[in-house]
Amino acid sequence: MNANSVALPHIVVINRWREQYARYAEYLDHTTHQVSYITTEVGLPSVPEAAGDILVVDRTDDLEAVRAALRVLAVRHGRPEAIVALKEDDLLIAAELREEWNCPGQRVGHLARFRDKYLMATAVAEAGLDLPDFTLAGDGTSILEFGAKHGWPLILKPVMGSSSEGVVKLDGPEDVLTVDLADTPMMVQTFNPGRIYHVDGVFTGREIKHWRASRYVNTCLGFRSGDFLGSVEEDDEAVNRAIGESTADYLRALSGDPLVFHLELFVNDTPDGPRCSFLEVGARVGGAEIPFVWRELHGYDLMDAAFQLQLQRPVPQGQMASPEEIGGYLLIPAPGARPCRITEVTSMVGSTPGPYAEALLEVGDILPLADAYYEHVGGRFRFRGATSRDVEQALVATAAAFRVSGVPATPTDQAGAAQGQLAGASRG
């Protein structure tokens, strides 16, 4: 750098997505900022061509690896003025590094209630809001005592985790003998048989805006054991009204600061109308196809809102386009243990009823063993329609007709993929 040059503000982005869940180059001018990326190899395709620098790490949730990469970037381009991470499992990494480098934005203490499920549930309970009974599961005896008091089945889950990893349903005392509590802090909850919804949107610190509620078709836990996972936006006014009121209450119990959120709750039918019960919430954009459905159907980019908040800029105001149009998505599990090579796949775009867009690998492509769990699956589909019923019918029909198969990937397969095979782009 010569004496007359002016250093550009240095912004560091932590990324692991292969596809453009986030359109980074649209959120920040890369010509007036030095934008450096710390990414996995799988995530390289979503790094913009305008990136000022790129460093690759094996895992973006490895604090020491990301810390070392950030030090290298700081030597090259100056200390970071902001650190951005939009994927759930990377939020605490970014928060730790902001504290170390005195960057603005979310700190570990603020995010704790959105990552530690026991702290999260405790805050909601202390606010007097409805949620399943819960306690820490220190050992098998504590689970048995909890079950004896509250009844079975129970849900056992890691205190820290995502994508339902490590979650187990315990149907009775005999199931307690099958679980290992040695390595990961766990909590146990009573089982709620209600319908499970996710709510996505922006929280101002007092109220929710730009939000949509969607009902899961099957469950995230079932997806891990081989079921398809679907989501359909809700068009029932009474259900939406109950969800909106409860969601605002839950978020106010957890934070007074603006955030983009992905919240899950139960809805049970009662003589007095729909009743909501809290499940969990993340201070981030929902995964799977949620960012795409929002951009394509509703004209609002939740990733942009989350990005701007992490730079401590105002959230994009925007307007929800086509609020009456109903969206949905479908995920099909991987056809085998990852990494695997795809041997058969069926396009569903053009089917009636069917999706308006899909993200599929092609025959010969490698489905990688990557950390973005809901991105690297057997097939991803997006739907639109006039009613929730229409969207659900198309979703279920697609799940029944779709075919995908694969075989274990050989070292040669994986080497070929590492040399630049870019698979899984959305088509529609």
Protein backbone atom coordinates (compact mmCIF):
# COMPACT_ATOMS: atom_id res chain seq x y z
CA MET A 1 0.00 0.00 0.00
CA ASN A 2 1.48 3.39 -0.98
CA ALA A 3 1.41 6.47 1.22
CA ASN A 4 -1.47 8.05 -0.70
CA SER A 5 -3.75 5.02 -0.71
CA VAL A 6 -6.70 4.80 1.65
CA ALA A 7 -7.49 1.52 3.37
CA LEU A 8 -11.00 0.28 2.67
CA PRO A 9 -13.19 -0.80 5.61
CA HIS A 10 -12.43 -4.47 6.21
CA ILE A 11 -15.48 -6.71 6.55
CA VAL A 12 -15.06 -10.46 7.16
CA VAL A 13 -17.81 -12.91 6.17
CA ILE A 14 -17.93 -16.51 7.44
CA ASN A 15 -19.70 -18.79 4.94
CA ARG A 16 -20.42 -22.50 4.48
CA TRP A 17 -23.27 -22.56 1.91
CA ARG A 18 -22.61 -23.83 -1.61
CA GLU A 19 -25.73 -22.29 -3.13
CA GLN A 20 -26.62 -18.62 -2.84
CA TYR A 21 -28.73 -18.70 0.29
CA ALA A 22 -27.18 -15.28 0.88
CA ARG A 23 -26.44 -12.90 -2.01
CA TYR A 24 -23.50 -11.22 -0.33
CA ALA A 25 -22.51 -8.99 -3.23
CA GLU A 26 -25.98 -7.41 -3.23
CA TYR A 27 -25.87 -6.63 0.49
CA LEU A 28 -22.57 -4.74 0.60
CA ASP A 29 -20.62 -2.79 -2.01
CA HIS A 30 -17.46 -4.86 -2.53
CA THR A 31 -15.76 -1.98 -4.37
CA THR A 32 -15.94 0.40 -1.41
CA HIS A 33 -15.14 -2.28 1.20
CA GLN A 34 -12.43 -4.90 1.55
CA VAL A 35 -14.71 -7.94 1.94
CA SER A 36 -12.82 -11.07 2.95
CA TYR A 37 -14.37 -14.54 3.18
CA ILE A 38 -13.59 -17.45 5.47
CA THR A 39 -15.33 -20.42 3.90
CA THR A 40 -15.32 -24.17 3.60
CA GLU A 41 -14.28 -25.73 0.31
CA VAL A 42 -17.88 -26.81 -0.31
CA GLY A 43 -18.95 -23.19 0.22
CA LEU A 44 -16.59 -21.66 -2.35
CA PRO A 45 -19.20 -21.47 -5.16
CA SER A 46 -21.34 -18.97 -3.21
CA VAL A 47 -18.44 -16.58 -2.55
CA PRO A 48 -18.86 -13.61 -4.94
CA GLU A 49 -16.33 -12.97 -7.67
CA ALA A 50 -15.90 -9.51 -6.15
CA ALA A 51 -14.48 -10.97 -2.92
CA GLY A 52 -11.32 -9.18 -1.87
CA ASP A 53 -9.74 -12.26 -0.29
CA ILE A 54 -10.72 -15.86 0.49
CA LEU A 55 -9.35 -18.31 3.04
CA VAL A 56 -10.58 -21.90 3.23
CA VAL A 57 -11.04 -23.83 6.48
CA ASP A 58 -12.25 -27.38 7.02
CA ARG A 59 -15.10 -26.27 9.27
CA THR A 60 -16.48 -22.82 9.96
CA ASP A 61 -17.62 -23.88 13.44
CA ASP A 62 -14.01 -24.66 14.41
CA LEU A 63 -13.17 -21.58 16.48
CA GLU A 64 -9.40 -22.06 16.40
CA ALA A 65 -9.31 -22.54 12.63
CA VAL A 66 -11.50 -19.50 11.95
CA ARG A 67 -9.57 -17.43 14.53
CA ALA A 68 -6.28 -18.28 12.77
CA ALA A 69 -7.74 -17.40 9.36
CA LEU A 70 -9.01 -14.08 10.68
CA ARG A 71 -5.56 -13.20 12.01
CA VAL A 72 -4.07 -13.80 8.56
CA LEU A 73 -6.71 -11.59 6.95
CA ALA A 74 -6.11 -8.86 9.54
CA VAL A 75 -2.39 -8.84 8.71
CA ARG A 76 -3.19 -8.57 5.01
CA HIS A 77 -5.99 -6.01 5.11
CA GLY A 78 -6.14 -4.46 8.56
CA ARG A 79 -8.23 -5.24 11.58
CA PRO A 80 -11.85 -6.14 10.79
CA GLU A 81 -14.49 -3.47 11.29
CA ALA A 82 -17.27 -6.08 11.23
CA ILE A 83 -17.63 -9.86 11.24
CA VAL A 84 -20.69 -11.46 9.62
CA ALA A 85 -21.95 -15.05 9.95
CA LEU A 86 -25.48 -16.00 8.90
CA LYS A 87 -25.53 -19.79 9.40
CA GLU A 88 -26.85 -20.90 12.80
CA ASP A 89 -23.84 -23.00 13.79
CA ASP A 90 -21.47 -20.12 12.99
CA LEU A 91 -23.23 -17.43 15.05
CA LEU A 92 -21.32 -18.03 18.28
CA ILE A 93 -18.00 -18.25 16.42
CA ALA A 94 -18.60 -14.80 14.96
CA ALA A 95 -19.73 -13.46 18.34
CA GLU A 96 -16.55 -14.73 20.04
CA LEU A 97 -14.39 -13.10 17.39
CA ARG A 98 -16.27 -9.80 17.59
CA GLU A 99 -15.43 -9.66 21.28
CA GLU A 100 -11.76 -10.43 20.60
CA TRP A 101 -11.47 -7.77 17.90
CA ASN A 102 -13.88 -5.29 19.53
CA CYS A 103 -16.18 -5.30 16.52
CA PRO A 104 -19.81 -4.14 16.77
CA GLY A 105 -22.65 -6.62 16.67
CA GLN A 106 -24.08 -9.53 18.63
CA ARG A 107 -22.06 -10.82 21.56
CA VAL A 108 -21.95 -14.30 23.06
CA GLY A 109 -24.08 -13.22 26.02
CA HIS A 110 -26.85 -11.93 23.76
CA LEU A 111 -26.87 -15.06 21.62
CA ALA A 112 -26.77 -17.48 24.55
CA ARG A 113 -30.56 -17.52 24.92
CA PHE A 114 -30.90 -18.30 21.22
CA ARG A 115 -28.38 -21.15 21.18
CA ASP A 116 -28.62 -22.74 24.64
CA LYS A 117 -32.04 -24.39 24.67
CA TYR A 118 -32.16 -24.67 28.45
CA LEU A 119 -31.52 -20.94 28.91
CA MET A 120 -34.04 -20.28 26.15
CA ALA A 121 -36.78 -22.37 27.76
CA THR A 122 -36.03 -20.89 31.19
CA ALA A 123 -36.48 -17.32 29.90
CA VAL A 124 -39.80 -18.21 28.27
CA ALA A 125 -41.02 -19.98 31.40
CA GLU A 126 -40.00 -17.06 33.64
CA ALA A 127 -42.11 -14.78 31.44
CA GLY A 128 -45.15 -16.94 32.27
CA LEU A 129 -45.57 -18.17 28.69
CA ASP A 130 -46.68 -21.63 27.62
CA LEU A 131 -44.12 -24.31 26.77
CA PRO A 132 -43.60 -28.03 27.56
CA ASP A 133 -42.26 -28.84 31.04
CA PHE A 134 -38.49 -29.33 30.96
CA THR A 135 -35.36 -29.95 33.00
CA LEU A 136 -31.69 -30.70 32.50
CA ALA A 137 -30.99 -34.40 31.94
CA GLY A 138 -27.90 -34.99 34.06
CA ASP A 139 -28.25 -38.77 34.08
CA GLY A 140 -30.71 -41.58 33.49
CA THR A 141 -32.14 -41.26 36.99
CA SER A 142 -33.12 -37.62 36.43
CA ILE A 143 -34.93 -38.59 33.21
CA LEU A 144 -36.79 -41.44 34.96
CA GLU A 145 -37.84 -39.13 37.78
CA PHE A 146 -39.03 -36.51 35.29
CA GLY A 147 -40.99 -39.16 33.37
CA ALA A 148 -42.56 -40.50 36.56
CA LYS A 149 -43.76 -36.98 37.38
CA HIS A 150 -44.88 -35.78 33.95
CA GLY A 151 -45.60 -38.98 32.03
CA TRP A 152 -44.32 -40.44 28.77
CA PRO A 153 -43.32 -40.02 25.96
CA LEU A 154 -40.54 -37.48 26.46
CA ILE A 155 -38.20 -35.62 24.13
CA LEU A 156 -34.48 -35.70 24.92
CA LYS A 157 -32.34 -33.13 23.09
CA PRO A 158 -28.88 -31.56 23.23
CA VAL A 159 -28.78 -28.22 25.00
CA MET A 160 -26.76 -26.93 22.05
CA GLY A 161 -27.57 -28.24 18.60
CA SER A 162 -29.32 -27.71 15.28
CA SER A 163 -31.27 -29.61 12.60
CA SER A 164 -32.62 -32.06 15.24
CA GLU A 165 -29.20 -33.69 15.57
CA GLY A 166 -29.10 -35.88 18.67
CA VAL A 167 -32.83 -35.49 19.43
CA VAL A 168 -34.51 -38.67 20.69
CA LYS A 169 -38.12 -39.53 21.53
CA LEU A 170 -38.36 -41.70 24.66
CA ASP A 171 -41.59 -43.69 24.64
CA GLY A 172 -41.08 -45.20 28.09
CA PRO A 173 -38.60 -45.88 30.91
CA GLU A 174 -37.00 -48.73 28.96
CA ASP A 175 -35.79 -46.28 26.29
CA VAL A 176 -33.67 -44.42 28.82
CA LEU A 177 -31.26 -47.35 28.84
CA THR A 178 -30.51 -46.79 25.14
CA VAL A 179 -29.27 -43.19 25.39
CA ASP A 180 -25.73 -42.00 26.07
CA LEU A 181 -25.56 -38.91 28.28
CA ALA A 182 -21.80 -38.87 28.75
CA ASP A 183 -20.58 -36.47 26.07
CA THR A 184 -23.20 -33.77 25.44
CA PRO A 185 -25.25 -31.66 27.89
CA MET A 186 -28.88 -32.67 27.40
CA MET A 187 -32.34 -31.55 28.46
CA VAL A 188 -35.63 -33.41 28.58
CA GLN A 189 -39.12 -32.11 27.80
CA THR A 190 -42.66 -33.41 27.89
CA PHE A 191 -44.02 -34.44 24.50
CA ASN A 192 -46.55 -32.13 22.83
CA PRO A 193 -48.66 -33.90 20.14
CA GLY A 194 -49.77 -30.64 18.52
CA ARG A 195 -49.06 -29.47 15.00
CA ILE A 196 -45.57 -27.98 14.67
CA TYR A 197 -45.14 -24.62 12.95
CA HIS A 198 -42.18 -22.45 12.11
CA VAL A 199 -42.47 -18.67 12.08
CA ASP A 200 -40.00 -16.55 10.14
CA GLY A 201 -39.56 -12.82 10.02
CA VAL A 202 -38.05 -9.69 11.54
CA PHE A 203 -38.38 -8.60 15.18
CA THR A 204 -37.96 -4.89 15.89
CA GLY A 205 -37.30 -5.37 19.60
CA ARG A 206 -40.99 -4.86 20.37
CA GLU A 207 -43.02 -6.32 17.52
CA ILE A 208 -42.74 -8.73 14.62
CA LYS A 209 -42.96 -7.61 11.01
CA HIS A 210 -42.62 -9.19 7.58
CA TRP A 211 -43.54 -12.54 9.12
CA ARG A 212 -45.07 -15.78 7.85
CA ALA A 213 -46.17 -18.90 9.74
CA SER A 214 -45.76 -22.32 8.13
CA ARG A 215 -46.90 -25.78 9.22
CA TYR A 216 -44.48 -28.66 8.97
CA VAL A 217 -45.60 -31.70 6.98
CA ASN A 218 -43.84 -34.50 8.89
CA THR A 219 -41.13 -33.39 11.34
CA CYS A 220 -37.48 -32.35 11.39
CA LEU A 221 -36.78 -35.32 13.67
CA GLY A 222 -38.49 -37.71 11.23
CA PHE A 223 -36.36 -36.33 8.38
CA ARG A 224 -33.26 -37.66 10.12
CA SER A 225 -34.75 -41.16 10.08
CA GLY A 226 -35.81 -41.13 6.42
CA ASP A 227 -39.13 -39.27 6.16
CA PHE A 228 -39.55 -36.38 3.75
CA LEU A 229 -39.90 -32.94 5.33
CA GLY A 230 -42.40 -30.43 4.03
CA SER A 231 -43.54 -26.96 5.01
CA VAL A 232 -46.71 -25.11 3.98
CA GLU A 233 -47.51 -21.49 4.79
CA GLU A 234 -50.69 -21.15 6.83
CA ASP A 235 -53.78 -19.40 5.43
CA ASP A 236 -56.11 -19.87 8.42
CA GLU A 237 -56.68 -16.42 9.93
CA ALA A 238 -57.42 -17.67 13.45
CA VAL A 239 -54.28 -19.79 13.54
CA ASN A 240 -52.14 -16.96 12.18
CA ARG A 241 -53.56 -14.52 14.70
CA ALA A 242 -52.75 -16.85 17.62
CA ILE A 243 -49.27 -17.54 16.25
CA GLY A 244 -48.51 -13.87 15.69
CA GLU A 245 -49.50 -12.87 19.21
CA SER A 246 -47.58 -15.74 20.82
CA THR A 247 -44.47 -15.21 18.69
CA ALA A 248 -44.23 -11.56 19.70
CA ASP A 249 -44.56 -12.55 23.37
CA TYR A 250 -41.86 -15.21 23.10
CA LEU A 251 -39.40 -12.87 21.39
CA ARG A 252 -40.00 -10.06 23.88
CA ALA A 253 -39.17 -12.55 26.65
CA LEU A 254 -35.82 -13.29 25.00
CA SER A 255 -34.59 -10.00 23.57
CA GLY A 256 -35.18 -6.28 23.40
CA ASP A 257 -32.96 -5.91 20.34
CA PRO A 258 -33.86 -6.20 16.65
CA LEU A 259 -33.21 -9.56 15.03
CA VAL A 260 -34.20 -11.87 12.20
CA PHE A 261 -35.76 -14.99 13.67
CA HIS A 262 -36.77 -18.56 12.95
CA LEU A 263 -39.13 -19.74 15.70
CA GLU A 264 -40.85 -23.09 16.15
CA LEU A 265 -43.98 -23.72 18.20
CA PHE A 266 -46.82 -26.15 18.73
CA VAL A 267 -50.44 -25.37 17.91
CA ASN A 268 -53.19 -27.32 19.64
CA ASP A 269 -56.93 -26.96 18.97
CA THR A 270 -59.02 -26.08 22.03
CA PRO A 271 -62.68 -25.08 22.53
CA ASP A 272 -61.43 -21.48 22.88
CA GLY A 273 -59.48 -21.59 19.63
CA PRO A 274 -55.86 -22.36 18.65
CA ARG A 275 -53.42 -22.47 21.57
CA CYS A 276 -49.68 -22.05 21.04
CA SER A 277 -46.82 -23.56 23.02
CA PHE A 278 -43.17 -22.61 22.58
CA LEU A 279 -40.66 -25.06 21.07
CA GLU A 280 -37.45 -23.13 20.26
CA VAL A 281 -36.10 -20.15 18.34
CA GLY A 282 -32.98 -19.08 16.49
CA ALA A 283 -31.69 -15.53 16.00
CA ARG A 284 -31.11 -16.14 12.30
CA VAL A 285 -32.85 -16.81 9.00
CA GLY A 286 -34.60 -20.17 8.72
CA GLY A 287 -32.85 -22.87 6.73
CA ALA A 288 -33.97 -25.24 3.97
CA GLU A 289 -35.81 -23.30 1.21
CA ILE A 290 -37.10 -20.46 3.38
CA PRO A 291 -34.75 -17.74 2.04
CA PHE A 292 -35.60 -18.67 -1.56
CA VAL A 293 -39.39 -18.81 -1.02
CA TRP A 294 -39.29 -15.42 0.67
CA ARG A 295 -37.30 -13.78 -2.13
CA GLU A 296 -39.23 -15.42 -4.97
CA LEU A 297 -42.79 -15.22 -3.64
CA HIS A 298 -42.82 -12.44 -1.08
CA GLY A 299 -40.18 -10.10 -2.47
CA TYR A 300 -38.27 -9.75 0.80
CA ASP A 301 -34.73 -10.98 1.47
CA LEU A 302 -34.41 -12.15 5.06
CA MET A 303 -30.70 -12.79 4.54
CA ASP A 304 -30.21 -9.16 3.58
CA ALA A 305 -32.01 -8.09 6.76
CA ALA A 306 -29.79 -10.36 8.89
CA PHE A 307 -26.64 -9.14 7.10
CA GLN A 308 -27.50 -5.47 7.68
CA LEU A 309 -28.27 -6.08 11.35
CA GLN A 310 -24.86 -7.65 11.83
CA LEU A 311 -23.33 -4.49 10.36
CA GLN A 312 -25.55 -2.53 12.77
CA ARG A 313 -27.34 -0.92 9.86
CA PRO A 314 -31.13 -0.45 9.57
CA VAL A 315 -33.14 -3.45 8.45
CA PRO A 316 -34.38 -3.10 4.85
CA GLN A 317 -37.98 -1.88 5.07
CA GLY A 318 -39.43 -3.26 1.87
CA GLN A 319 -42.95 -4.51 1.42
CA MET A 320 -44.20 -8.07 1.37
CA ALA A 321 -45.15 -8.77 -2.26
CA SER A 322 -48.07 -11.14 -2.96
CA PRO A 323 -49.03 -11.58 0.70
CA GLU A 324 -51.99 -13.67 -0.38
CA GLU A 325 -49.86 -16.21 -2.26
CA ILE A 326 -49.01 -19.36 -0.29
CA GLY A 327 -45.53 -20.87 -0.44
CA GLY A 328 -44.01 -24.13 0.69
CA TYR A 329 -41.05 -26.41 0.34
CA LEU A 330 -40.13 -30.08 0.34
CA LEU A 331 -36.88 -31.83 1.29
CA ILE A 332 -36.13 -35.42 0.33
CA PRO A 333 -33.50 -37.22 2.45
CA ALA A 334 -30.14 -38.19 1.00
CA PRO A 335 -30.32 -41.52 -0.89
CA GLY A 336 -27.47 -42.95 1.18
CA ALA A 337 -24.76 -42.09 3.65
CA ARG A 338 -22.92 -38.98 2.49
CA PRO A 339 -20.72 -38.58 0.53
CA CYS A 340 -22.51 -40.50 -2.20
CA ARG A 341 -22.57 -40.42 -5.99
CA ILE A 342 -25.98 -39.89 -7.58
CA THR A 343 -27.01 -42.70 -9.93
CA GLU A 344 -30.66 -41.73 -10.61
CA VAL A 345 -32.67 -38.54 -10.20
CA THR A 346 -36.06 -37.38 -11.49
CA SER A 347 -36.84 -33.75 -12.33
CA MET A 348 -40.26 -32.72 -11.01
CA VAL A 349 -40.54 -29.20 -12.46
CA GLY A 350 -43.41 -29.26 -14.96
CA SER A 351 -45.38 -31.92 -13.07
CA THR A 352 -49.02 -31.21 -12.25
CA PRO A 353 -49.36 -30.66 -9.39
CA GLY A 354 -45.70 -29.97 -8.77
CA PRO A 355 -43.04 -27.47 -7.74
CA TYR A 356 -42.21 -24.20 -9.43
CA ALA A 357 -38.48 -24.70 -8.69
CA GLU A 358 -36.14 -27.48 -7.62
CA ALA A 359 -32.52 -27.93 -6.57
CA LEU A 360 -31.22 -31.32 -7.66
CA LEU A 361 -27.92 -32.99 -8.25
CA GLU A 362 -27.35 -34.65 -11.62
CA VAL A 363 -26.35 -38.26 -12.27
CA GLY A 364 -22.65 -38.56 -11.44
CA ASP A 365 -22.62 -35.61 -9.02
CA ILE A 366 -21.38 -36.08 -5.47
CA LEU A 367 -23.61 -35.29 -2.52
CA PRO A 368 -20.97 -34.06 -0.06
CA LEU A 369 -20.55 -34.71 3.63
CA ALA A 370 -21.01 -31.03 4.43
CA ASP A 371 -22.23 -29.22 7.52
CA ALA A 372 -25.11 -27.30 5.91
CA TYR A 373 -27.43 -30.21 6.67
CA TYR A 374 -30.66 -29.13 4.92
CA GLU A 375 -28.81 -27.93 1.83
CA HIS A 376 -27.11 -31.22 0.94
CA VAL A 377 -30.04 -33.62 0.65
CA GLY A 378 -31.62 -35.88 -1.96
CA GLY A 379 -33.76 -33.13 -3.46
CA ARG A 380 -35.12 -29.67 -2.63
CA PHE A 381 -38.38 -28.31 -4.08
CA ARG A 382 -40.34 -25.05 -3.81
CA PHE A 383 -44.10 -24.58 -4.25
CA ARG A 384 -46.62 -21.78 -4.69
CA GLY A 385 -50.40 -21.76 -4.73
CA ALA A 386 -53.62 -19.97 -3.83
CA THR A 387 -54.28 -21.96 -0.64
CA SER A 388 -52.43 -24.04 1.93
CA ARG A 389 -54.40 -27.07 0.77
CA ASP A 390 -53.24 -26.61 -2.85
CA VAL A 391 -49.60 -26.33 -1.81
CA GLU A 392 -49.76 -29.35 0.49
CA GLN A 393 -51.35 -31.50 -2.23
CA ALA A 394 -48.58 -30.58 -4.68
CA LEU A 395 -45.94 -31.21 -2.03
CA VAL A 396 -47.25 -34.67 -1.11
CA ALA A 397 -47.67 -35.64 -4.78
CA THR A 398 -44.07 -34.61 -5.49
CA ALA A 399 -42.75 -36.58 -2.53
CA ALA A 400 -44.58 -39.69 -3.79
CA ALA A 401 -43.39 -39.40 -7.39
CA PHE A 402 -39.80 -38.24 -6.94
CA ARG A 403 -36.98 -40.76 -7.30
CA VAL A 404 -33.34 -40.40 -6.36
CA SER A 405 -30.68 -43.05 -5.71
CA GLY A 406 -26.97 -43.11 -5.04
CA VAL A 407 -23.98 -45.25 -4.18
CA PRO A 408 -21.09 -44.58 -1.80
CA ALA A 409 -18.60 -42.13 -3.30
CA THR A 410 -15.11 -43.47 -3.96
CA PRO A 411 -11.96 -41.45 -3.25
CA THR A 412 -11.72 -40.83 -7.00
CA ASP A 413 -15.29 -39.50 -7.04
CA GLN A 414 -14.54 -37.13 -4.19
CA ALA A 415 -11.29 -35.91 -5.74
CA GLY A 416 -13.16 -35.07 -8.94
CA ALA A 417 -15.79 -33.16 -7.00
CA ALA A 418 -13.11 -31.21 -5.14
CA GLN A 419 -11.60 -30.05 -8.43
CA GLY A 420 -14.59 -27.84 -9.17
CA GLN A 421 -17.78 -29.80 -9.66
CA LEU A 422 -20.56 -27.33 -8.82
CA ALA A 423 -23.73 -29.34 -8.26
CA GLY A 424 -27.14 -28.64 -6.81
CA ALA A 425 -28.04 -25.30 -8.36
CA SER A 426 -31.70 -24.29 -8.29
CA ARG A 427 -33.70 -24.73 -11.45
CA GLY A 428 -37.20 -23.64 -12.14
